[in-house]
Amino acid sequence: MVRQAEKKTKRSPLLPVFGIILVVALGGIAYFLSLNFVLKIPQVRAIADQSYSLALIGSTVFVWLILAGIAYFLVALVVGKDPTDSNQIPLPPRKKDMKKRR
């Protein structure tokens, strides 16, 4: 019986473009959330009174990092196993088994 070679799938060349779109979209969502929700918190508002733009930028970056971490986790779950993982590579036959074949 002949073994079939594993089929190698090519990655899409548009994958980096989708990543950039995802990063920009998460940035927009983070800006919206920080503008409408985070800056309304009384403790943040006290800081925002001194420098509103700095507080907006800081809260946007913080929310963006949280959203990017969640997105990274979800992508890692969807991708699955790593083909170069040493636990997934089949082990060579043991010496005992090699002697039995001869």
N, C-alpha and C. Protein backbone atom coordinates (compact mmCIF):
# COMPACT_ATOMS: atom_id res chain seq x y z
N MET A 1 0.84 -1.18 0.00
CA MET A 1 0.00 0.00 0.00
C MET A 1 0.89 1.25 0.00
N VAL A 2 0.53 2.20 -0.79
CA VAL A 2 1.32 3.42 -0.94
C VAL A 2 0.72 4.51 -0.06
N ARG A 3 1.58 5.19 0.67
CA ARG A 3 1.12 6.30 1.50
C ARG A 3 0.99 7.55 0.65
N GLN A 4 -0.03 8.30 0.92
CA GLN A 4 -0.19 9.57 0.24
C GLN A 4 0.57 10.65 1.00
N ALA A 5 1.20 11.52 0.27
CA ALA A 5 1.89 12.64 0.90
C ALA A 5 0.86 13.64 1.41
N GLU A 6 1.22 14.34 2.47
CA GLU A 6 0.32 15.36 3.00
C GLU A 6 0.21 16.50 2.00
N LYS A 7 -1.00 16.96 1.82
CA LYS A 7 -1.21 18.07 0.91
C LYS A 7 -0.89 19.37 1.63
N LYS A 8 -0.04 20.18 1.03
CA LYS A 8 0.31 21.46 1.62
C LYS A 8 -0.63 22.52 1.08
N THR A 9 -1.25 23.24 1.98
CA THR A 9 -2.16 24.29 1.55
C THR A 9 -1.41 25.62 1.55
N LYS A 10 -1.65 26.40 0.52
CA LYS A 10 -1.01 27.71 0.42
C LYS A 10 -1.80 28.72 1.24
N ARG A 11 -1.11 29.59 1.91
CA ARG A 11 -1.76 30.67 2.64
C ARG A 11 -2.13 31.77 1.67
N SER A 12 -3.23 32.40 1.96
CA SER A 12 -3.70 33.47 1.09
C SER A 12 -2.76 34.68 1.19
N PRO A 13 -2.43 35.31 0.06
CA PRO A 13 -1.59 36.51 0.12
C PRO A 13 -2.33 37.71 0.71
N LEU A 14 -3.65 37.60 0.85
CA LEU A 14 -4.43 38.70 1.43
C LEU A 14 -4.52 38.62 2.95
N LEU A 15 -3.92 37.61 3.54
CA LEU A 15 -3.99 37.44 4.99
C LEU A 15 -3.44 38.64 5.76
N PRO A 16 -2.30 39.23 5.39
CA PRO A 16 -1.84 40.44 6.09
C PRO A 16 -2.80 41.62 5.95
N VAL A 17 -3.47 41.71 4.81
CA VAL A 17 -4.43 42.80 4.61
C VAL A 17 -5.59 42.64 5.57
N PHE A 18 -6.08 41.41 5.74
CA PHE A 18 -7.16 41.16 6.69
C PHE A 18 -6.72 41.48 8.11
N GLY A 19 -5.46 41.20 8.43
CA GLY A 19 -4.93 41.53 9.75
C GLY A 19 -4.91 43.02 10.00
N ILE A 20 -4.50 43.78 9.00
CA ILE A 20 -4.47 45.24 9.13
C ILE A 20 -5.88 45.79 9.27
N ILE A 21 -6.82 45.24 8.49
CA ILE A 21 -8.22 45.67 8.60
C ILE A 21 -8.76 45.37 9.99
N LEU A 22 -8.41 44.21 10.54
CA LEU A 22 -8.85 43.84 11.88
C LEU A 22 -8.28 44.79 12.93
N VAL A 23 -7.01 45.14 12.81
CA VAL A 23 -6.37 46.05 13.76
C VAL A 23 -7.01 47.44 13.71
N VAL A 24 -7.27 47.93 12.50
CA VAL A 24 -7.89 49.25 12.35
C VAL A 24 -9.31 49.23 12.89
N ALA A 25 -10.06 48.16 12.61
CA ALA A 25 -11.43 48.05 13.11
C ALA A 25 -11.45 47.99 14.64
N LEU A 26 -10.53 47.24 15.22
CA LEU A 26 -10.46 47.19 16.69
C LEU A 26 -10.07 48.54 17.26
N GLY A 27 -9.25 49.29 16.57
CA GLY A 27 -8.90 50.65 17.00
C GLY A 27 -10.11 51.56 16.99
N GLY A 28 -10.93 51.46 15.96
CA GLY A 28 -12.16 52.25 15.90
C GLY A 28 -13.14 51.88 17.00
N ILE A 29 -13.27 50.59 17.25
CA ILE A 29 -14.15 50.14 18.33
C ILE A 29 -13.62 50.62 19.68
N ALA A 30 -12.31 50.54 19.87
CA ALA A 30 -11.71 50.99 21.13
C ALA A 30 -11.90 52.49 21.32
N TYR A 31 -11.78 53.27 20.26
CA TYR A 31 -12.00 54.71 20.35
C TYR A 31 -13.44 55.01 20.75
N PHE A 32 -14.39 54.33 20.11
CA PHE A 32 -15.80 54.52 20.42
C PHE A 32 -16.10 54.15 21.88
N LEU A 33 -15.57 53.00 22.33
CA LEU A 33 -15.82 52.56 23.70
C LEU A 33 -15.20 53.50 24.73
N SER A 34 -13.99 53.96 24.46
CA SER A 34 -13.34 54.83 25.43
C SER A 34 -14.00 56.21 25.46
N LEU A 35 -14.45 56.68 24.32
CA LEU A 35 -15.09 57.99 24.25
C LEU A 35 -16.45 57.98 24.94
N ASN A 36 -17.22 56.92 24.74
CA ASN A 36 -18.59 56.88 25.27
C ASN A 36 -18.73 56.23 26.64
N PHE A 37 -17.79 55.37 27.03
CA PHE A 37 -17.96 54.65 28.29
C PHE A 37 -16.84 54.90 29.29
N VAL A 38 -15.60 54.76 28.85
CA VAL A 38 -14.47 54.84 29.78
C VAL A 38 -14.31 56.25 30.32
N LEU A 39 -14.43 57.25 29.47
CA LEU A 39 -14.25 58.63 29.93
C LEU A 39 -15.42 59.14 30.77
N LYS A 40 -16.49 58.38 30.87
CA LYS A 40 -17.62 58.76 31.72
C LYS A 40 -17.44 58.27 33.17
N ILE A 41 -16.45 57.42 33.41
CA ILE A 41 -16.16 56.94 34.76
C ILE A 41 -15.60 58.10 35.58
N PRO A 42 -16.11 58.30 36.81
CA PRO A 42 -15.67 59.48 37.60
C PRO A 42 -14.16 59.55 37.85
N GLN A 43 -13.52 58.44 38.11
CA GLN A 43 -12.08 58.46 38.36
C GLN A 43 -11.31 58.86 37.10
N VAL A 44 -11.77 58.42 35.95
CA VAL A 44 -11.10 58.78 34.70
C VAL A 44 -11.41 60.23 34.35
N ARG A 45 -12.61 60.66 34.67
CA ARG A 45 -13.00 62.04 34.37
C ARG A 45 -12.12 63.03 35.14
N ALA A 46 -11.70 62.67 36.36
CA ALA A 46 -10.83 63.55 37.14
C ALA A 46 -9.49 63.75 36.42
N ILE A 47 -8.99 62.69 35.81
CA ILE A 47 -7.74 62.79 35.06
C ILE A 47 -7.99 63.51 33.74
N ALA A 48 -9.16 63.24 33.13
CA ALA A 48 -9.47 63.83 31.82
C ALA A 48 -9.65 65.34 31.91
N ASP A 49 -10.01 65.87 33.11
CA ASP A 49 -10.15 67.32 33.24
C ASP A 49 -8.81 68.03 33.03
N GLN A 50 -7.71 67.37 33.42
CA GLN A 50 -6.39 67.98 33.27
C GLN A 50 -5.92 67.92 31.82
N SER A 51 -6.05 66.77 31.22
CA SER A 51 -5.62 66.60 29.82
C SER A 51 -6.57 65.62 29.14
N TYR A 52 -7.58 66.15 28.48
CA TYR A 52 -8.61 65.31 27.87
C TYR A 52 -8.05 64.46 26.74
N SER A 53 -7.22 65.03 25.89
CA SER A 53 -6.71 64.28 24.75
C SER A 53 -5.77 63.16 25.19
N LEU A 54 -4.97 63.41 26.21
CA LEU A 54 -4.09 62.37 26.72
C LEU A 54 -4.89 61.23 27.36
N ALA A 55 -5.94 61.58 28.10
CA ALA A 55 -6.79 60.56 28.69
C ALA A 55 -7.51 59.75 27.62
N LEU A 56 -7.95 60.40 26.56
CA LEU A 56 -8.62 59.71 25.47
C LEU A 56 -7.68 58.75 24.75
N ILE A 57 -6.47 59.21 24.48
CA ILE A 57 -5.49 58.35 23.81
C ILE A 57 -5.11 57.18 24.70
N GLY A 58 -4.85 57.44 25.97
CA GLY A 58 -4.47 56.38 26.88
C GLY A 58 -5.55 55.33 27.07
N SER A 59 -6.79 55.79 27.24
CA SER A 59 -7.88 54.83 27.41
C SER A 59 -8.15 54.06 26.13
N THR A 60 -7.98 54.71 24.97
CA THR A 60 -8.17 54.02 23.70
C THR A 60 -7.13 52.93 23.52
N VAL A 61 -5.89 53.23 23.83
CA VAL A 61 -4.82 52.23 23.71
C VAL A 61 -5.06 51.07 24.67
N PHE A 62 -5.49 51.37 25.88
CA PHE A 62 -5.75 50.33 26.87
C PHE A 62 -6.88 49.41 26.41
N VAL A 63 -7.98 49.98 25.94
CA VAL A 63 -9.10 49.18 25.46
C VAL A 63 -8.71 48.40 24.21
N TRP A 64 -7.90 49.02 23.33
CA TRP A 64 -7.44 48.34 22.12
C TRP A 64 -6.59 47.13 22.47
N LEU A 65 -5.72 47.26 23.47
CA LEU A 65 -4.89 46.12 23.88
C LEU A 65 -5.74 44.97 24.40
N ILE A 66 -6.77 45.30 25.16
CA ILE A 66 -7.67 44.25 25.66
C ILE A 66 -8.39 43.57 24.50
N LEU A 67 -8.91 44.34 23.56
CA LEU A 67 -9.62 43.77 22.41
C LEU A 67 -8.67 42.96 21.53
N ALA A 68 -7.45 43.43 21.34
CA ALA A 68 -6.47 42.70 20.53
C ALA A 68 -6.09 41.38 21.21
N GLY A 69 -5.98 41.38 22.53
CA GLY A 69 -5.70 40.15 23.24
C GLY A 69 -6.81 39.13 23.09
N ILE A 70 -8.05 39.59 23.15
CA ILE A 70 -9.19 38.69 22.96
C ILE A 70 -9.20 38.15 21.53
N ALA A 71 -8.95 39.01 20.55
CA ALA A 71 -8.91 38.57 19.15
C ALA A 71 -7.77 37.57 18.92
N TYR A 72 -6.61 37.83 19.52
CA TYR A 72 -5.47 36.92 19.39
C TYR A 72 -5.81 35.55 19.97
N PHE A 73 -6.47 35.53 21.12
CA PHE A 73 -6.87 34.28 21.76
C PHE A 73 -7.85 33.52 20.87
N LEU A 74 -8.83 34.22 20.31
CA LEU A 74 -9.82 33.55 19.46
C LEU A 74 -9.20 33.00 18.18
N VAL A 75 -8.27 33.74 17.59
CA VAL A 75 -7.60 33.26 16.38
C VAL A 75 -6.75 32.03 16.72
N ALA A 76 -6.10 32.03 17.86
CA ALA A 76 -5.30 30.87 18.26
C ALA A 76 -6.18 29.65 18.48
N LEU A 77 -7.38 29.83 18.98
CA LEU A 77 -8.30 28.71 19.15
C LEU A 77 -8.76 28.17 17.81
N VAL A 78 -9.03 29.05 16.86
CA VAL A 78 -9.55 28.63 15.57
C VAL A 78 -8.49 27.93 14.73
N VAL A 79 -7.25 28.38 14.81
CA VAL A 79 -6.19 27.84 13.97
C VAL A 79 -5.92 26.38 14.28
N GLY A 80 -5.89 26.02 15.54
CA GLY A 80 -5.70 24.62 15.89
C GLY A 80 -4.26 24.28 16.20
N LYS A 81 -3.89 23.03 15.88
CA LYS A 81 -2.57 22.54 16.27
C LYS A 81 -1.46 23.06 15.37
N ASP A 82 -0.27 23.08 15.91
CA ASP A 82 0.92 23.52 15.19
C ASP A 82 1.55 22.31 14.50
N PRO A 83 1.76 22.35 13.18
CA PRO A 83 2.33 21.18 12.51
C PRO A 83 3.78 20.91 12.89
N THR A 84 4.48 21.88 13.43
CA THR A 84 5.87 21.66 13.83
C THR A 84 5.99 21.27 15.29
N ASP A 85 4.86 21.07 15.97
CA ASP A 85 4.88 20.70 17.38
C ASP A 85 5.46 19.29 17.51
N SER A 86 6.42 19.13 18.40
CA SER A 86 7.08 17.83 18.54
C SER A 86 6.15 16.76 19.10
N ASN A 87 5.10 17.15 19.80
CA ASN A 87 4.15 16.17 20.31
C ASN A 87 3.27 15.59 19.21
N GLN A 88 3.10 16.29 18.11
CA GLN A 88 2.25 15.85 17.02
C GLN A 88 3.01 15.04 15.97
N ILE A 89 4.34 15.08 15.99
CA ILE A 89 5.13 14.34 15.02
C ILE A 89 5.20 12.88 15.44
N PRO A 90 4.90 11.95 14.53
CA PRO A 90 4.96 10.53 14.93
C PRO A 90 6.40 10.12 15.23
N LEU A 91 6.55 9.32 16.25
CA LEU A 91 7.88 8.86 16.64
C LEU A 91 8.37 7.77 15.69
N PRO A 92 9.69 7.68 15.50
CA PRO A 92 10.21 6.59 14.68
C PRO A 92 10.02 5.25 15.40
N PRO A 93 10.03 4.16 14.67
CA PRO A 93 9.84 2.87 15.33
C PRO A 93 10.98 2.56 16.30
N ARG A 94 10.65 1.83 17.35
CA ARG A 94 11.67 1.47 18.35
C ARG A 94 12.61 0.41 17.79
N LYS A 95 13.76 0.24 18.42
CA LYS A 95 14.75 -0.72 17.95
C LYS A 95 14.22 -2.14 18.04
N LYS A 96 13.41 -2.44 19.07
CA LYS A 96 12.83 -3.77 19.21
C LYS A 96 11.96 -4.09 18.01
N ASP A 97 11.16 -3.13 17.61
CA ASP A 97 10.26 -3.34 16.48
C ASP A 97 11.04 -3.50 15.18
N MET A 98 12.17 -2.82 15.05
CA MET A 98 12.99 -2.96 13.85
C MET A 98 13.60 -4.36 13.76
N LYS A 99 14.00 -4.95 14.89
CA LYS A 99 14.59 -6.28 14.90
C LYS A 99 13.55 -7.33 14.55
N LYS A 100 12.32 -7.13 14.97
CA LYS A 100 11.26 -8.10 14.70
C LYS A 100 10.92 -8.15 13.23
N ARG A 101 11.06 -7.05 12.53
CA ARG A 101 10.72 -7.00 11.10
C ARG A 101 11.71 -7.80 10.27
N ARG A 102 12.93 -7.87 10.70
CA ARG A 102 13.98 -8.55 9.90
C ARG A 102 13.88 -9.99 10.03
